[in-house]
């Protein structure tokens, strides 16, 4: 389970106040392993934020994703290739038609 920075700060404060990990987990309704992970991260980095993830960055931004969604909702007869071309023409974003299909599937939409 991912914890927010606020939850992590709360957990660390309670642990530093001398409360057990089990009790902190119960109070915050977070698993004990999450409390352990948060505290270990705090001791290593001094921060409450998660470390940046690995892997390839997304090809589209949130604005591009919204544009794909709106394009399909405005014209339900467009297929993925046509949506891909409209995104390229309007926003100069070059992505594959498979990426268009994935972004639409994330929002429970399908192209024609």
PDB file of N, CA and C in Angstrom:
ATOM      1  N   UNK A   1       0.845  -1.183   0.000  1.00  0.00           N
ATOM      2  CA  UNK A   1       0.000   0.000   0.000  1.00  0.00           C
ATOM      3  C   UNK A   1       0.887   1.241   0.000  1.00  0.00           C
ATOM      4  N   UNK A   2       0.600   2.189  -0.854  1.00  0.00           N
ATOM      5  CA  UNK A   2       1.351   3.431  -0.882  1.00  0.00           C
ATOM      6  C   UNK A   2       0.833   4.363   0.200  1.00  0.00           C
ATOM      7  N   UNK A   3       1.754   5.011   0.854  1.00  0.00           N
ATOM      8  CA  UNK A   3       1.372   5.973   1.878  1.00  0.00           C
ATOM      9  C   UNK A   3       1.634   7.370   1.367  1.00  0.00           C
ATOM     10  N   UNK A   4       0.823   8.302   1.794  1.00  0.00           N
ATOM     11  CA  UNK A   4       1.034   9.697   1.422  1.00  0.00           C
ATOM     12  C   UNK A   4       2.154  10.263   2.285  1.00  0.00           C
ATOM     13  N   UNK A   5       2.788  11.340   1.848  1.00  0.00           N
ATOM     14  CA  UNK A   5       3.820  11.959   2.689  1.00  0.00           C
ATOM     15  C   UNK A   5       3.292  12.380   4.064  1.00  0.00           C
ATOM     16  N   UNK A   6       2.008  12.765   4.124  1.00  0.00           N
ATOM     17  CA  UNK A   6       1.429  13.152   5.409  1.00  0.00           C
ATOM     18  C   UNK A   6       1.329  11.946   6.340  1.00  0.00           C
ATOM     19  N   UNK A   7       0.874  10.817   5.811  1.00  0.00           N
ATOM     20  CA  UNK A   7       0.791   9.600   6.612  1.00  0.00           C
ATOM     21  C   UNK A   7       2.175   9.150   7.068  1.00  0.00           C
ATOM     22  N   UNK A   8       3.158   9.267   6.168  1.00  0.00           N
ATOM     23  CA  UNK A   8       4.520   8.877   6.518  1.00  0.00           C
ATOM     24  C   UNK A   8       5.061   9.760   7.639  1.00  0.00           C
ATOM     25  N   UNK A   9       4.817  11.069   7.550  1.00  0.00           N
ATOM     26  CA  UNK A   9       5.290  11.987   8.590  1.00  0.00           C
ATOM     27  C   UNK A   9       4.626  11.674   9.922  1.00  0.00           C
ATOM     28  N   UNK A  10       3.345  11.356   9.875  1.00  0.00           N
ATOM     29  CA  UNK A  10       2.601  11.002  11.087  1.00  0.00           C
ATOM     30  C   UNK A  10       3.173   9.725  11.700  1.00  0.00           C
ATOM     31  N   UNK A  11       3.453   8.742  10.871  1.00  0.00           N
ATOM     32  CA  UNK A  11       3.997   7.474  11.352  1.00  0.00           C
ATOM     33  C   UNK A  11       5.365   7.674  11.991  1.00  0.00           C
ATOM     34  N   UNK A  12       6.224   8.446  11.333  1.00  0.00           N
ATOM     35  CA  UNK A  12       7.568   8.687  11.875  1.00  0.00           C
ATOM     36  C   UNK A  12       7.474   9.440  13.197  1.00  0.00           C
ATOM     37  N   UNK A  13       6.592  10.423  13.287  1.00  0.00           N
ATOM     38  CA  UNK A  13       6.436  11.178  14.527  1.00  0.00           C
ATOM     39  C   UNK A  13       5.991  10.263  15.670  1.00  0.00           C
ATOM     40  N   UNK A  14       5.054   9.368  15.391  1.00  0.00           N
ATOM     41  CA  UNK A  14       4.588   8.447  16.427  1.00  0.00           C
ATOM     42  C   UNK A  14       5.687   7.470  16.833  1.00  0.00           C
ATOM     43  N   UNK A  15       6.454   6.982  15.858  1.00  0.00           N
ATOM     44  CA  UNK A  15       7.544   6.064  16.169  1.00  0.00           C
ATOM     45  C   UNK A  15       8.619   6.755  17.014  1.00  0.00           C
ATOM     46  N   UNK A  16       8.931   7.999  16.676  1.00  0.00           N
ATOM     47  CA  UNK A  16       9.938   8.737  17.441  1.00  0.00           C
ATOM     48  C   UNK A  16       9.432   9.117  18.825  1.00  0.00           C
ATOM     49  N   UNK A  17       8.117   9.094  19.017  1.00  0.00           N
ATOM     50  CA  UNK A  17       7.542   9.359  20.331  1.00  0.00           C
ATOM     51  C   UNK A  17       7.572   8.107  21.204  1.00  0.00           C
ATOM     52  N   UNK A  18       8.066   6.996  20.639  1.00  0.00           N
ATOM     53  CA  UNK A  18       8.216   5.788  21.426  1.00  0.00           C
ATOM     54  C   UNK A  18       7.092   4.787  21.296  1.00  0.00           C
ATOM     55  N   UNK A  19       6.171   5.008  20.361  1.00  0.00           N
ATOM     56  CA  UNK A  19       5.056   4.084  20.155  1.00  0.00           C
ATOM     57  C   UNK A  19       5.529   2.958  19.237  1.00  0.00           C
ATOM     58  N   UNK A  20       5.092   1.740  19.519  1.00  0.00           N
ATOM     59  CA  UNK A  20       5.545   0.582  18.741  1.00  0.00           C
ATOM     60  C   UNK A  20       5.009   0.640  17.310  1.00  0.00           C
ATOM     61  N   UNK A  21       5.708  -0.057  16.414  1.00  0.00           N
ATOM     62  CA  UNK A  21       5.276  -0.114  15.015  1.00  0.00           C
ATOM     63  C   UNK A  21       3.887  -0.734  14.903  1.00  0.00           C
ATOM     64  N   UNK A  22       3.628  -1.754  15.708  1.00  0.00           N
ATOM     65  CA  UNK A  22       2.327  -2.412  15.661  1.00  0.00           C
ATOM     66  C   UNK A  22       1.211  -1.440  16.049  1.00  0.00           C
ATOM     67  N   UNK A  23       1.453  -0.644  17.084  1.00  0.00           N
ATOM     68  CA  UNK A  23       0.446   0.319  17.541  1.00  0.00           C
ATOM     69  C   UNK A  23       0.258   1.444  16.520  1.00  0.00           C
ATOM     70  N   UNK A  24       1.357   1.910  15.929  1.00  0.00           N
ATOM     71  CA  UNK A  24       1.265   2.951  14.895  1.00  0.00           C
ATOM     72  C   UNK A  24       0.457   2.437  13.715  1.00  0.00           C
ATOM     73  N   UNK A  25       0.716   1.194  13.301  1.00  0.00           N
ATOM     74  CA  UNK A  25      -0.014   0.599  12.185  1.00  0.00           C
ATOM     75  C   UNK A  25      -1.507   0.521  12.502  1.00  0.00           C
ATOM     76  N   UNK A  26      -1.822   0.153  13.726  1.00  0.00           N
ATOM     77  CA  UNK A  26      -3.231   0.046  14.117  1.00  0.00           C
ATOM     78  C   UNK A  26      -3.900   1.410  14.123  1.00  0.00           C
ATOM     79  N   UNK A  27      -3.210   2.411  14.673  1.00  0.00           N
ATOM     80  CA  UNK A  27      -3.798   3.756  14.752  1.00  0.00           C
ATOM     81  C   UNK A  27      -4.039   4.369  13.378  1.00  0.00           C
ATOM     82  N   UNK A  28      -3.082   4.186  12.484  1.00  0.00           N
ATOM     83  CA  UNK A  28      -3.176   4.813  11.159  1.00  0.00           C
ATOM     84  C   UNK A  28      -3.886   3.925  10.144  1.00  0.00           C
ATOM     85  N   UNK A  29      -4.229   2.702  10.567  1.00  0.00           N
ATOM     86  CA  UNK A  29      -4.878   1.732   9.670  1.00  0.00           C
ATOM     87  C   UNK A  29      -4.038   1.478   8.422  1.00  0.00           C
ATOM     88  N   UNK A  30      -2.750   1.253   8.661  1.00  0.00           N
ATOM     89  CA  UNK A  30      -1.784   0.947   7.612  1.00  0.00           C
ATOM     90  C   UNK A  30      -1.089  -0.343   8.042  1.00  0.00           C
ATOM     91  N   UNK A  31      -0.698  -1.167   7.083  1.00  0.00           N
ATOM     92  CA  UNK A  31      -0.043  -2.424   7.448  1.00  0.00           C
ATOM     93  C   UNK A  31       1.288  -2.148   8.150  1.00  0.00           C
ATOM     94  N   UNK A  32       1.690  -3.107   8.986  1.00  0.00           N
ATOM     95  CA  UNK A  32       2.933  -2.944   9.743  1.00  0.00           C
ATOM     96  C   UNK A  32       4.136  -2.911   8.797  1.00  0.00           C
ATOM     97  N   UNK A  33       4.082  -3.685   7.723  1.00  0.00           N
ATOM     98  CA  UNK A  33       5.193  -3.677   6.770  1.00  0.00           C
ATOM     99  C   UNK A  33       5.322  -2.302   6.097  1.00  0.00           C
ATOM    100  N   UNK A  34       4.204  -1.628   5.873  1.00  0.00           N
ATOM    101  CA  UNK A  34       4.262  -0.273   5.309  1.00  0.00           C
ATOM    102  C   UNK A  34       4.901   0.694   6.295  1.00  0.00           C
ATOM    103  N   UNK A  35       4.582   0.529   7.571  1.00  0.00           N
ATOM    104  CA  UNK A  35       5.200   1.374   8.602  1.00  0.00           C
ATOM    105  C   UNK A  35       6.701   1.139   8.627  1.00  0.00           C
ATOM    106  N   UNK A  36       7.116  -0.127   8.556  1.00  0.00           N
ATOM    107  CA  UNK A  36       8.545  -0.445   8.538  1.00  0.00           C
ATOM    108  C   UNK A  36       9.221   0.204   7.336  1.00  0.00           C
ATOM    109  N   UNK A  37       8.599   0.076   6.180  1.00  0.00           N
ATOM    110  CA  UNK A  37       9.180   0.628   4.947  1.00  0.00           C
ATOM    111  C   UNK A  37       9.290   2.139   5.016  1.00  0.00           C
ATOM    112  N   UNK A  38       8.247   2.797   5.522  1.00  0.00           N
ATOM    113  CA  UNK A  38       8.257   4.257   5.638  1.00  0.00           C
ATOM    114  C   UNK A  38       9.375   4.707   6.581  1.00  0.00           C
ATOM    115  N   UNK A  39       9.501   4.026   7.708  1.00  0.00           N
ATOM    116  CA  UNK A  39      10.507   4.429   8.699  1.00  0.00           C
ATOM    117  C   UNK A  39      11.925   4.182   8.175  1.00  0.00           C
ATOM    118  N   UNK A  40      12.111   3.048   7.490  1.00  0.00           N
ATOM    119  CA  UNK A  40      13.428   2.758   6.913  1.00  0.00           C
ATOM    120  C   UNK A  40      13.796   3.818   5.871  1.00  0.00           C
ATOM    121  N   UNK A  41      12.813   4.182   5.032  1.00  0.00           N
ATOM    122  CA  UNK A  41      13.067   5.212   4.021  1.00  0.00           C
ATOM    123  C   UNK A  41      13.419   6.540   4.684  1.00  0.00           C
ATOM    124  N   UNK A  42      12.715   6.876   5.774  1.00  0.00           N
ATOM    125  CA  UNK A  42      12.994   8.119   6.477  1.00  0.00           C
ATOM    126  C   UNK A  42      14.414   8.105   7.056  1.00  0.00           C
ATOM    127  N   UNK A  43      14.826   6.989   7.623  1.00  0.00           N
ATOM    128  CA  UNK A  43      16.172   6.902   8.201  1.00  0.00           C
ATOM    129  C   UNK A  43      17.256   6.998   7.124  1.00  0.00           C
ATOM    130  N   UNK A  44      16.982   6.425   5.949  1.00  0.00           N
ATOM    131  CA  UNK A  44      17.966   6.445   4.865  1.00  0.00           C
ATOM    132  C   UNK A  44      18.053   7.801   4.174  1.00  0.00           C
ATOM    133  N   UNK A  45      16.902   8.415   3.909  1.00  0.00           N
ATOM    134  CA  UNK A  45      16.894   9.625   3.085  1.00  0.00           C
ATOM    135  C   UNK A  45      16.544  10.891   3.857  1.00  0.00           C
ATOM    136  N   UNK A  46      15.912  10.738   5.016  1.00  0.00           N
ATOM    137  CA  UNK A  46      15.476  11.910   5.768  1.00  0.00           C
ATOM    138  C   UNK A  46      14.243  12.563   5.168  1.00  0.00           C
ATOM    139  N   UNK A  47      13.590  11.860   4.240  1.00  0.00           N
ATOM    140  CA  UNK A  47      12.424  12.430   3.559  1.00  0.00           C
ATOM    141  C   UNK A  47      11.233  11.486   3.684  1.00  0.00           C
ATOM    142  N   UNK A  48      10.054  12.044   3.478  1.00  0.00           N
ATOM    143  CA  UNK A  48       8.831  11.250   3.553  1.00  0.00           C
ATOM    144  C   UNK A  48       8.321  10.848   2.174  1.00  0.00           C
ATOM    145  N   UNK A  49       8.835  11.469   1.125  1.00  0.00           N
ATOM    146  CA  UNK A  49       8.383  11.191  -0.229  1.00  0.00           C
ATOM    147  C   UNK A  49       8.943   9.868  -0.716  1.00  0.00           C
ATOM    148  N   UNK A  50       8.215   9.260  -1.655  1.00  0.00           N
ATOM    149  CA  UNK A  50       8.695   8.028  -2.260  1.00  0.00           C
ATOM    150  C   UNK A  50       9.846   8.329  -3.192  1.00  0.00           C
ATOM    151  N   UNK A  51      10.692   7.345  -3.382  1.00  0.00           N
ATOM    152  CA  UNK A  51      11.783   7.490  -4.340  1.00  0.00           C
ATOM    153  C   UNK A  51      11.198   7.466  -5.744  1.00  0.00           C
ATOM    154  N   UNK A  52      11.862   8.120  -6.700  1.00  0.00           N
ATOM    155  CA  UNK A  52      11.332   8.093  -8.063  1.00  0.00           C
ATOM    156  C   UNK A  52      11.332   6.663  -8.603  1.00  0.00           C
ATOM    157  N   UNK A  53      10.302   6.338  -9.365  1.00  0.00           N
ATOM    158  CA  UNK A  53      10.182   4.993  -9.907  1.00  0.00           C
ATOM    159  C   UNK A  53      11.137   4.769 -11.073  1.00  0.00           C
ATOM    160  N   UNK A  54      11.313   3.520 -11.399  1.00  0.00           N
ATOM    161  CA  UNK A  54      12.157   3.176 -12.541  1.00  0.00           C
ATOM    162  C   UNK A  54      11.256   2.876 -13.721  1.00  0.00           C
ATOM    163  N   UNK A  55      11.854   2.716 -14.844  1.00  0.00           N
ATOM    164  CA  UNK A  55      11.091   2.357 -16.029  1.00  0.00           C
ATOM    165  C   UNK A  55      10.962   3.507 -16.997  1.00  0.00           C
ATOM    166  N   UNK A  56      10.379   3.188 -18.096  1.00  0.00           N
ATOM    167  CA  UNK A  56      10.239   4.160 -19.168  1.00  0.00           C
ATOM    168  C   UNK A  56       9.161   5.180 -18.827  1.00  0.00           C
ATOM    169  N   UNK A  57       9.429   6.464 -19.089  1.00  0.00           N
ATOM    170  CA  UNK A  57       8.406   7.482 -18.832  1.00  0.00           C
ATOM    171  C   UNK A  57       7.250   7.364 -19.822  1.00  0.00           C
ATOM    172  N   UNK A  58       6.091   7.853 -19.412  1.00  0.00           N
ATOM    173  CA  UNK A  58       4.921   7.803 -20.281  1.00  0.00           C
ATOM    174  C   UNK A  58       5.128   8.671 -21.517  1.00  0.00           C
ATOM    175  N   UNK A  59       4.581   8.208 -22.625  1.00  0.00           N
ATOM    176  CA  UNK A  59       4.720   8.931 -23.891  1.00  0.00           C
ATOM    177  C   UNK A  59       3.778  10.123 -23.965  1.00  0.00           C
ATOM    178  N   UNK A  60       2.711  10.110 -23.151  1.00  0.00           N
ATOM    179  CA  UNK A  60       1.733  11.184 -23.198  1.00  0.00           C
ATOM    180  C   UNK A  60       1.582  11.820 -21.824  1.00  0.00           C
ATOM    181  N   UNK A  61       1.262  13.091 -21.828  1.00  0.00           N
ATOM    182  CA  UNK A  61       1.007  13.798 -20.574  1.00  0.00           C
ATOM    183  C   UNK A  61      -0.466  13.649 -20.210  1.00  0.00           C
ATOM    184  N   UNK A  62      -0.834  14.145 -19.054  1.00  0.00           N
ATOM    185  CA  UNK A  62      -2.243  14.107 -18.635  1.00  0.00           C
ATOM    186  C   UNK A  62      -3.104  14.914 -19.613  1.00  0.00           C
ATOM    187  N   UNK A  63      -2.572  16.035 -20.112  1.00  0.00           N
ATOM    188  CA  UNK A  63      -3.314  16.857 -21.078  1.00  0.00           C
ATOM    189  C   UNK A  63      -3.507  16.093 -22.389  1.00  0.00           C
ATOM    190  N   UNK A  64      -2.477  15.357 -22.818  1.00  0.00           N
ATOM    191  CA  UNK A  64      -2.605  14.549 -24.034  1.00  0.00           C
ATOM    192  C   UNK A  64      -3.653  13.458 -23.846  1.00  0.00           C
ATOM    193  N   UNK A  65      -3.653  12.837 -22.672  1.00  0.00           N
ATOM    194  CA  UNK A  65      -4.638  11.792 -22.381  1.00  0.00           C
ATOM    195  C   UNK A  65      -6.056  12.350 -22.440  1.00  0.00           C
ATOM    196  N   UNK A  66      -6.248  13.551 -21.876  1.00  0.00           N
ATOM    197  CA  UNK A  66      -7.566  14.192 -21.925  1.00  0.00           C
ATOM    198  C   UNK A  66      -7.958  14.502 -23.362  1.00  0.00           C
ATOM    199  N   UNK A  67      -6.996  14.958 -24.156  1.00  0.00           N
ATOM    200  CA  UNK A  67      -7.269  15.270 -25.557  1.00  0.00           C
ATOM    201  C   UNK A  67      -7.703  14.024 -26.312  1.00  0.00           C
ATOM    202  N   UNK A  68      -7.044  12.901 -26.068  1.00  0.00           N
ATOM    203  CA  UNK A  68      -7.425  11.639 -26.712  1.00  0.00           C
ATOM    204  C   UNK A  68      -8.855  11.278 -26.332  1.00  0.00           C
ATOM    205  N   UNK A  69      -9.149  11.374 -25.050  1.00  0.00           N
ATOM    206  CA  UNK A  69     -10.485  11.034 -24.564  1.00  0.00           C
ATOM    207  C   UNK A  69     -11.547  11.936 -25.187  1.00  0.00           C
ATOM    208  N   UNK A  70     -11.311  13.227 -25.184  1.00  0.00           N
ATOM    209  CA  UNK A  70     -12.293  14.162 -25.722  1.00  0.00           C
ATOM    210  C   UNK A  70     -12.488  13.983 -27.223  1.00  0.00           C
ATOM    211  N   UNK A  71     -11.392  13.695 -27.929  1.00  0.00           N
ATOM    212  CA  UNK A  71     -11.488  13.485 -29.362  1.00  0.00           C
ATOM    213  C   UNK A  71     -12.418  12.316 -29.671  1.00  0.00           C
ATOM    214  N   UNK A  72     -12.270  11.239 -28.927  1.00  0.00           N
ATOM    215  CA  UNK A  72     -13.113  10.061 -29.153  1.00  0.00           C
ATOM    216  C   UNK A  72     -14.553  10.321 -28.727  1.00  0.00           C
ATOM    217  N   UNK A  73     -14.733  11.047 -27.630  1.00  0.00           N
ATOM    218  CA  UNK A  73     -16.093  11.323 -27.170  1.00  0.00           C
ATOM    219  C   UNK A  73     -16.827  12.272 -28.116  1.00  0.00           C
ATOM    220  N   UNK A  74     -16.099  13.179 -28.763  1.00  0.00           N
ATOM    221  CA  UNK A  74     -16.736  14.102 -29.703  1.00  0.00           C
ATOM    222  C   UNK A  74     -17.137  13.411 -30.995  1.00  0.00           C
ATOM    223  N   UNK A  75     -16.326  12.442 -31.410  1.00  0.00           N
ATOM    224  CA  UNK A  75     -16.627  11.729 -32.644  1.00  0.00           C
ATOM    225  C   UNK A  75     -16.389  10.245 -32.408  1.00  0.00           C
ATOM    226  N   UNK A  76     -17.451   9.520 -32.099  1.00  0.00           N
ATOM    227  CA  UNK A  76     -17.345   8.105 -31.749  1.00  0.00           C
ATOM    228  C   UNK A  76     -16.977   7.228 -32.939  1.00  0.00           C
ATOM    229  N   UNK A  77     -16.986   7.777 -34.149  1.00  0.00           N
ATOM    230  CA  UNK A  77     -16.682   6.971 -35.331  1.00  0.00           C
ATOM    231  C   UNK A  77     -15.189   6.933 -35.665  1.00  0.00           C
ATOM    232  N   UNK A  78     -14.373   7.675 -34.932  1.00  0.00           N
ATOM    233  CA  UNK A  78     -12.936   7.681 -35.206  1.00  0.00           C
ATOM    234  C   UNK A  78     -12.297   6.381 -34.742  1.00  0.00           C
ATOM    235  N   UNK A  79     -11.340   5.900 -35.525  1.00  0.00           N
ATOM    236  CA  UNK A  79     -10.585   4.737 -35.068  1.00  0.00           C
ATOM    237  C   UNK A  79      -9.261   5.218 -34.451  1.00  0.00           C
ATOM    238  N   UNK A  80      -8.478   4.305 -33.925  1.00  0.00           N
ATOM    239  CA  UNK A  80      -7.266   4.667 -33.187  1.00  0.00           C
ATOM    240  C   UNK A  80      -6.254   5.397 -34.071  1.00  0.00           C
ATOM    241  N   UNK A  81      -6.142   4.996 -35.318  1.00  0.00           N
ATOM    242  CA  UNK A  81      -5.192   5.645 -36.226  1.00  0.00           C
ATOM    243  C   UNK A  81      -5.610   7.094 -36.486  1.00  0.00           C
ATOM    244  N   UNK A  82      -6.893   7.330 -36.648  1.00  0.00           N
ATOM    245  CA  UNK A  82      -7.372   8.697 -36.869  1.00  0.00           C
ATOM    246  C   UNK A  82      -7.156   9.563 -35.635  1.00  0.00           C
ATOM    247  N   UNK A  83      -7.358   8.990 -34.451  1.00  0.00           N
ATOM    248  CA  UNK A  83      -7.110   9.742 -33.209  1.00  0.00           C
ATOM    249  C   UNK A  83      -5.622  10.044 -33.088  1.00  0.00           C
ATOM    250  N   UNK A  84      -4.797   9.075 -33.442  1.00  0.00           N
ATOM    251  CA  UNK A  84      -3.340   9.262 -33.408  1.00  0.00           C
ATOM    252  C   UNK A  84      -2.931  10.416 -34.323  1.00  0.00           C
ATOM    253  N   UNK A  85      -3.486  10.457 -35.510  1.00  0.00           N
ATOM    254  CA  UNK A  85      -3.150  11.524 -36.463  1.00  0.00           C
ATOM    255  C   UNK A  85      -3.636  12.887 -35.973  1.00  0.00           C
ATOM    256  N   UNK A  86      -4.821  12.917 -35.379  1.00  0.00           N
ATOM    257  CA  UNK A  86      -5.329  14.207 -34.893  1.00  0.00           C
ATOM    258  C   UNK A  86      -4.464  14.719 -33.742  1.00  0.00           C
ATOM    259  N   UNK A  87      -3.990  13.827 -32.883  1.00  0.00           N
ATOM    260  CA  UNK A  87      -3.105  14.245 -31.788  1.00  0.00           C
ATOM    261  C   UNK A  87      -1.775  14.774 -32.345  1.00  0.00           C
ATOM    262  N   UNK A  88      -1.275  14.088 -33.376  1.00  0.00           N
ATOM    263  CA  UNK A  88      -0.033  14.539 -34.003  1.00  0.00           C
ATOM    264  C   UNK A  88      -0.204  15.913 -34.643  1.00  0.00           C
ATOM    265  N   UNK A  89      -1.331  16.131 -35.313  1.00  0.00           N
ATOM    266  CA  UNK A  89      -1.570  17.397 -35.999  1.00  0.00           C
ATOM    267  C   UNK A  89      -1.857  18.542 -35.021  1.00  0.00           C
ATOM    268  N   UNK A  90      -2.650  18.261 -33.991  1.00  0.00           N
ATOM    269  CA  UNK A  90      -3.064  19.313 -33.055  1.00  0.00           C
ATOM    270  C   UNK A  90      -2.000  19.637 -32.011  1.00  0.00           C
ATOM    271  N   UNK A  91      -1.351  18.604 -31.475  1.00  0.00           N
ATOM    272  CA  UNK A  91      -0.465  18.810 -30.322  1.00  0.00           C
ATOM    273  C   UNK A  91       0.991  18.444 -30.596  1.00  0.00           C
ATOM    274  N   UNK A  92       1.302  18.017 -31.808  1.00  0.00           N
ATOM    275  CA  UNK A  92       2.651  17.612 -32.191  1.00  0.00           C
ATOM    276  C   UNK A  92       3.208  16.513 -31.274  1.00  0.00           C
ATOM    277  N   UNK A  93       2.349  15.574 -30.912  1.00  0.00           N
ATOM    278  CA  UNK A  93       2.744  14.437 -30.084  1.00  0.00           C
ATOM    279  C   UNK A  93       2.703  13.197 -30.960  1.00  0.00           C
ATOM    280  N   UNK A  94       3.850  12.533 -31.099  1.00  0.00           N
ATOM    281  CA  UNK A  94       3.931  11.358 -31.952  1.00  0.00           C
ATOM    282  C   UNK A  94       3.866  10.118 -31.055  1.00  0.00           C
ATOM    283  N   UNK A  95       2.767   9.368 -31.201  1.00  0.00           N
ATOM    284  CA  UNK A  95       2.582   8.131 -30.443  1.00  0.00           C
ATOM    285  C   UNK A  95       2.018   7.077 -31.380  1.00  0.00           C
ATOM    286  N   UNK A  96       2.045   5.846 -30.953  1.00  0.00           N
ATOM    287  CA  UNK A  96       1.510   4.764 -31.780  1.00  0.00           C
ATOM    288  C   UNK A  96       0.004   4.641 -31.580  1.00  0.00           C
ATOM    289  N   UNK A  97      -0.628   3.968 -32.509  1.00  0.00           N
ATOM    290  CA  UNK A  97      -2.065   3.729 -32.372  1.00  0.00           C
ATOM    291  C   UNK A  97      -2.329   2.788 -31.189  1.00  0.00           C
ATOM    292  N   UNK A  98      -1.374   1.924 -30.868  1.00  0.00           N
ATOM    293  CA  UNK A  98      -1.521   1.057 -29.693  1.00  0.00           C
ATOM    294  C   UNK A  98      -1.554   1.885 -28.403  1.00  0.00           C
ATOM    295  N   UNK A  99      -0.766   2.947 -28.360  1.00  0.00           N
ATOM    296  CA  UNK A  99      -0.784   3.827 -27.188  1.00  0.00           C
ATOM    297  C   UNK A  99      -2.148   4.500 -27.062  1.00  0.00           C
ATOM    298  N   UNK A 100      -2.722   4.898 -28.189  1.00  0.00           N
ATOM    299  CA  UNK A 100      -4.065   5.492 -28.174  1.00  0.00           C
ATOM    300  C   UNK A 100      -5.050   4.485 -27.597  1.00  0.00           C
ATOM    301  N   UNK A 101      -4.972   3.245 -28.056  1.00  0.00           N
ATOM    302  CA  UNK A 101      -5.883   2.212 -27.547  1.00  0.00           C
ATOM    303  C   UNK A 101      -5.700   1.999 -26.047  1.00  0.00           C
ATOM    304  N   UNK A 102      -4.439   1.986 -25.583  1.00  0.00           N
ATOM    305  CA  UNK A 102      -4.182   1.803 -24.142  1.00  0.00           C
ATOM    306  C   UNK A 102      -4.735   2.956 -23.325  1.00  0.00           C
ATOM    307  N   UNK A 103      -4.535   4.189 -23.795  1.00  0.00           N
ATOM    308  CA  UNK A 103      -5.035   5.357 -23.058  1.00  0.00           C
ATOM    309  C   UNK A 103      -6.564   5.345 -22.991  1.00  0.00           C
ATOM    310  N   UNK A 104      -7.200   4.927 -24.059  1.00  0.00           N
ATOM    311  CA  UNK A 104      -8.663   4.839 -24.054  1.00  0.00           C
ATOM    312  C   UNK A 104      -9.135   3.712 -23.144  1.00  0.00           C
ATOM    313  N   UNK A 105      -8.421   2.596 -23.135  1.00  0.00           N
ATOM    314  CA  UNK A 105      -8.788   1.465 -22.280  1.00  0.00           C
ATOM    315  C   UNK A 105      -8.657   1.857 -20.809  1.00  0.00           C
ATOM    316  N   UNK A 106      -7.682   2.716 -20.476  1.00  0.00           N
ATOM    317  CA  UNK A 106      -7.529   3.195 -19.098  1.00  0.00           C
ATOM    318  C   UNK A 106      -8.791   3.926 -18.632  1.00  0.00           C
ATOM    319  N   UNK A 107      -9.508   4.531 -19.574  1.00  0.00           N
ATOM    320  CA  UNK A 107     -10.715   5.285 -19.240  1.00  0.00           C
ATOM    321  C   UNK A 107     -11.987   4.547 -19.673  1.00  0.00           C
ATOM    322  N   UNK A 108     -11.831   3.246 -19.918  1.00  0.00           N
ATOM    323  CA  UNK A 108     -12.959   2.393 -20.304  1.00  0.00           C
ATOM    324  C   UNK A 108     -13.649   2.865 -21.565  1.00  0.00           C
ATOM    325  N   UNK A 109     -12.867   3.326 -22.526  1.00  0.00           N
ATOM    326  CA  UNK A 109     -13.387   3.712 -23.833  1.00  0.00           C
ATOM    327  C   UNK A 109     -12.727   2.844 -24.889  1.00  0.00           C
ATOM    328  N   UNK A 110     -13.388   2.705 -26.017  1.00  0.00           N
ATOM    329  CA  UNK A 110     -12.788   1.971 -27.127  1.00  0.00           C
ATOM    330  C   UNK A 110     -12.972   2.752 -28.409  1.00  0.00           C
ATOM    331  N   UNK A 111     -11.947   2.787 -29.256  1.00  0.00           N
ATOM    332  CA  UNK A 111     -12.142   3.428 -30.558  1.00  0.00           C
ATOM    333  C   UNK A 111     -12.957   2.500 -31.446  1.00  0.00           C
ATOM    334  N   UNK A 112     -13.401   3.007 -32.559  1.00  0.00           N
ATOM    335  CA  UNK A 112     -14.210   2.215 -33.476  1.00  0.00           C
ATOM    336  C   UNK A 112     -13.390   1.054 -33.982  1.00  0.00           C
TER     337      UNK A 112
END
